[in-house]
Amino acid sequence: HVQLVESGGGSVQAGGSLRLSCVASGATQDIGCTGWFRQAPGQEREGVAVIDSDGDTAYAESMKDRFTISVDNAKNTLYLQMNSLKPEDTAMYYCAADSLVLFCTMRDLYKYWGQGTQVTVS
């Protein structure tokens, strides 16, 4: 079992930056994939970025040049650095983890989820 807790959300002006954090606890040694997803009201949850156990990353096309996913394994912490934020980035952001090790999906099929942290861009 893995527990995930996000933090770092808040309100920011368009063009600003935020860094989200996700601390994992429990059976973290079994995690093969971690990622960030977001969901705006009335919309489906969409993948933002994922990272596998080798450090390989994948991003949604609209966020590739603005967002950076990283992980600090020693701290069991996943990060999402968000730059050049736009109003359309406003959403609840969730971190997720799964045991996949060969390919990390951008679909919301992960086993473990955090509670979410709100990001509002005005």
C-alpha atoms as a PDB file:
ATOM      1  CA  HIS A   1       0.000   0.000   0.000  1.00  0.00           C
ATOM      2  CA  VAL A   2       1.160   3.496  -0.877  1.00  0.00           C
ATOM      3  CA  GLN A   3      -0.082   6.815   0.429  1.00  0.00           C
ATOM      4  CA  LEU A   4       0.445  10.049  -1.468  1.00  0.00           C
ATOM      5  CA  VAL A   5       0.065  13.584  -0.157  1.00  0.00           C
ATOM      6  CA  GLU A   6       0.283  16.616  -2.426  1.00  0.00           C
ATOM      7  CA  SER A   7       1.152  20.157  -1.454  1.00  0.00           C
ATOM      8  CA  GLY A   8       2.267  23.389  -3.057  1.00  0.00           C
ATOM      9  CA  GLY A   9      -0.900  24.482  -4.768  1.00  0.00           C
ATOM     10  CA  GLY A  10      -2.288  27.959  -4.498  1.00  0.00           C
ATOM     11  CA  SER A  11      -3.186  31.059  -6.444  1.00  0.00           C
ATOM     12  CA  VAL A  12      -0.801  32.639  -8.901  1.00  0.00           C
ATOM     13  CA  GLN A  13      -0.930  35.286 -11.589  1.00  0.00           C
ATOM     14  CA  ALA A  14      -0.754  34.285 -15.220  1.00  0.00           C
ATOM     15  CA  GLY A  15       2.858  33.841 -16.216  1.00  0.00           C
ATOM     16  CA  GLY A  16       3.872  32.869 -12.716  1.00  0.00           C
ATOM     17  CA  SER A  17       5.281  29.638 -11.350  1.00  0.00           C
ATOM     18  CA  LEU A  18       4.453  27.022  -8.754  1.00  0.00           C
ATOM     19  CA  ARG A  19       6.141  23.869  -7.588  1.00  0.00           C
ATOM     20  CA  LEU A  20       3.960  21.024  -6.446  1.00  0.00           C
ATOM     21  CA  SER A  21       5.239  18.288  -4.170  1.00  0.00           C
ATOM     22  CA  CYS A  22       3.961  14.792  -3.508  1.00  0.00           C
ATOM     23  CA  VAL A  23       5.315  12.772  -0.612  1.00  0.00           C
ATOM     24  CA  ALA A  24       4.923   9.011  -0.833  1.00  0.00           C
ATOM     25  CA  SER A  25       4.842   6.676   2.129  1.00  0.00           C
ATOM     26  CA  GLY A  26       4.294   2.969   2.603  1.00  0.00           C
ATOM     27  CA  ALA A  27       5.607   0.412   0.128  1.00  0.00           C
ATOM     28  CA  THR A  28       7.472   2.959  -1.952  1.00  0.00           C
ATOM     29  CA  GLN A  29       9.975   0.344  -3.122  1.00  0.00           C
ATOM     30  CA  ASP A  30       7.215  -1.156  -5.254  1.00  0.00           C
ATOM     31  CA  ILE A  31       6.551   2.033  -7.195  1.00  0.00           C
ATOM     32  CA  GLY A  32       7.519   1.893 -10.838  1.00  0.00           C
ATOM     33  CA  CYS A  33       5.630   4.878 -12.211  1.00  0.00           C
ATOM     34  CA  THR A  34       4.579   8.185 -10.750  1.00  0.00           C
ATOM     35  CA  GLY A  35       2.852  11.088 -12.341  1.00  0.00           C
ATOM     36  CA  TRP A  36       0.756  14.190 -12.129  1.00  0.00           C
ATOM     37  CA  PHE A  37      -2.805  14.536 -13.325  1.00  0.00           C
ATOM     38  CA  ARG A  38      -5.244  17.400 -13.211  1.00  0.00           C
ATOM     39  CA  GLN A  39      -8.966  17.905 -13.373  1.00  0.00           C
ATOM     40  CA  ALA A  40     -10.900  21.100 -13.924  1.00  0.00           C
ATOM     41  CA  PRO A  41     -14.588  21.348 -12.987  1.00  0.00           C
ATOM     42  CA  GLY A  42     -16.762  19.659 -15.587  1.00  0.00           C
ATOM     43  CA  GLN A  43     -13.790  18.114 -17.352  1.00  0.00           C
ATOM     44  CA  GLU A  44     -12.169  14.714 -17.371  1.00  0.00           C
ATOM     45  CA  ARG A  45      -8.997  14.100 -15.443  1.00  0.00           C
ATOM     46  CA  GLU A  46      -6.030  14.351 -17.776  1.00  0.00           C
ATOM     47  CA  GLY A  47      -2.428  13.327 -17.570  1.00  0.00           C
ATOM     48  CA  VAL A  48       0.110  16.094 -17.072  1.00  0.00           C
ATOM     49  CA  ALA A  49       3.421  14.280 -16.780  1.00  0.00           C
ATOM     50  CA  VAL A  50       4.768  10.890 -15.756  1.00  0.00           C
ATOM     51  CA  ILE A  51       8.175   9.555 -14.804  1.00  0.00           C
ATOM     52  CA  ASP A  52       9.370   5.961 -14.619  1.00  0.00           C
ATOM     53  CA  SER A  53      11.921   4.238 -12.431  1.00  0.00           C
ATOM     54  CA  ASP A  54      14.701   5.062 -14.894  1.00  0.00           C
ATOM     55  CA  GLY A  55      13.868   8.745 -14.825  1.00  0.00           C
ATOM     56  CA  ASP A  56      12.331   8.794 -18.281  1.00  0.00           C
ATOM     57  CA  THR A  57       9.530  11.313 -18.571  1.00  0.00           C
ATOM     58  CA  ALA A  58       6.519  12.018 -20.716  1.00  0.00           C
ATOM     59  CA  TYR A  59       4.397  15.146 -20.862  1.00  0.00           C
ATOM     60  CA  ALA A  60       1.112  16.239 -22.270  1.00  0.00           C
ATOM     61  CA  GLU A  61       1.891  18.219 -25.397  1.00  0.00           C
ATOM     62  CA  SER A  62       0.408  21.456 -24.110  1.00  0.00           C
ATOM     63  CA  MET A  63       2.580  21.336 -21.000  1.00  0.00           C
ATOM     64  CA  LYS A  64       5.837  19.890 -22.315  1.00  0.00           C
ATOM     65  CA  ASP A  65       7.659  23.213 -22.593  1.00  0.00           C
ATOM     66  CA  ARG A  66       6.324  24.674 -19.362  1.00  0.00           C
ATOM     67  CA  PHE A  67       6.173  21.874 -16.796  1.00  0.00           C
ATOM     68  CA  THR A  68       8.925  19.647 -15.443  1.00  0.00           C
ATOM     69  CA  ILE A  69       8.427  16.464 -13.455  1.00  0.00           C
ATOM     70  CA  SER A  70      11.175  15.182 -11.198  1.00  0.00           C
ATOM     71  CA  VAL A  71      11.620  12.846  -8.267  1.00  0.00           C
ATOM     72  CA  ASP A  72      13.848  12.728  -5.217  1.00  0.00           C
ATOM     73  CA  ASN A  73      13.966   9.056  -4.328  1.00  0.00           C
ATOM     74  CA  ALA A  74      15.819   9.658  -1.071  1.00  0.00           C
ATOM     75  CA  LYS A  75      12.947  11.826   0.114  1.00  0.00           C
ATOM     76  CA  ASN A  76      10.216   9.767  -1.558  1.00  0.00           C
ATOM     77  CA  THR A  77       9.010  12.991  -3.089  1.00  0.00           C
ATOM     78  CA  LEU A  78       7.682  13.755  -6.538  1.00  0.00           C
ATOM     79  CA  TYR A  79       7.731  17.302  -7.882  1.00  0.00           C
ATOM     80  CA  LEU A  80       6.039  19.231 -10.619  1.00  0.00           C
ATOM     81  CA  GLN A  81       7.624  22.549 -11.520  1.00  0.00           C
ATOM     82  CA  MET A  82       5.091  24.661 -13.377  1.00  0.00           C
ATOM     83  CA  ASN A  83       6.231  27.764 -15.223  1.00  0.00           C
ATOM     84  CA  SER A  84       4.471  30.260 -17.476  1.00  0.00           C
ATOM     85  CA  LEU A  85       1.156  29.330 -15.945  1.00  0.00           C
ATOM     86  CA  LYS A  86      -2.018  30.131 -17.834  1.00  0.00           C
ATOM     87  CA  PRO A  87      -5.602  30.517 -16.624  1.00  0.00           C
ATOM     88  CA  GLU A  88      -6.437  27.253 -18.387  1.00  0.00           C
ATOM     89  CA  ASP A  89      -4.016  25.498 -16.046  1.00  0.00           C
ATOM     90  CA  THR A  90      -6.479  26.095 -13.224  1.00  0.00           C
ATOM     91  CA  ALA A  91      -7.426  22.675 -11.878  1.00  0.00           C
ATOM     92  CA  MET A  92      -7.099  20.255  -9.032  1.00  0.00           C
ATOM     93  CA  TYR A  93      -3.742  18.551  -9.406  1.00  0.00           C
ATOM     94  CA  TYR A  94      -3.233  14.976  -8.257  1.00  0.00           C
ATOM     95  CA  CYS A  95      -0.178  12.813  -7.970  1.00  0.00           C
ATOM     96  CA  ALA A  96      -0.433   9.118  -8.700  1.00  0.00           C
ATOM     97  CA  ALA A  97       1.714   6.013  -8.428  1.00  0.00           C
ATOM     98  CA  ASP A  98       1.652   2.484  -9.750  1.00  0.00           C
ATOM     99  CA  SER A  99       3.869  -0.565 -10.077  1.00  0.00           C
ATOM    100  CA  LEU A 100       4.376  -0.304 -13.834  1.00  0.00           C
ATOM    101  CA  VAL A 101       8.061  -0.419 -14.697  1.00  0.00           C
ATOM    102  CA  LEU A 102       8.269  -0.772 -18.483  1.00  0.00           C
ATOM    103  CA  PHE A 103       5.889   1.943 -19.585  1.00  0.00           C
ATOM    104  CA  CYS A 104       4.101   4.629 -17.614  1.00  0.00           C
ATOM    105  CA  THR A 105       0.720   5.506 -18.998  1.00  0.00           C
ATOM    106  CA  MET A 106      -0.661   9.013 -19.224  1.00  0.00           C
ATOM    107  CA  ARG A 107      -4.135   7.630 -18.638  1.00  0.00           C
ATOM    108  CA  ASP A 108      -5.692   7.842 -15.194  1.00  0.00           C
ATOM    109  CA  LEU A 109      -5.302   4.137 -14.459  1.00  0.00           C
ATOM    110  CA  TYR A 110      -2.945   4.369 -11.517  1.00  0.00           C
ATOM    111  CA  LYS A 111      -3.465   2.391  -8.332  1.00  0.00           C
ATOM    112  CA  TYR A 112      -2.646   5.069  -5.798  1.00  0.00           C
ATOM    113  CA  TRP A 113      -3.779   8.674  -5.714  1.00  0.00           C
ATOM    114  CA  GLY A 114      -3.248  11.685  -3.545  1.00  0.00           C
ATOM    115  CA  GLN A 115      -6.036  13.917  -2.316  1.00  0.00           C
ATOM    116  CA  GLY A 116      -5.203  16.707  -4.726  1.00  0.00           C
ATOM    117  CA  THR A 117      -3.967  20.265  -4.428  1.00  0.00           C
ATOM    118  CA  GLN A 118      -5.743  23.201  -6.022  1.00  0.00           C
ATOM    119  CA  VAL A 119      -3.973  25.428  -8.521  1.00  0.00           C
ATOM    120  CA  THR A 120      -5.691  28.641  -9.535  1.00  0.00           C
ATOM    121  CA  VAL A 121      -4.240  30.921 -12.199  1.00  0.00           C
ATOM    122  CA  SER A 122      -5.787  34.338 -12.723  1.00  0.00           C
END
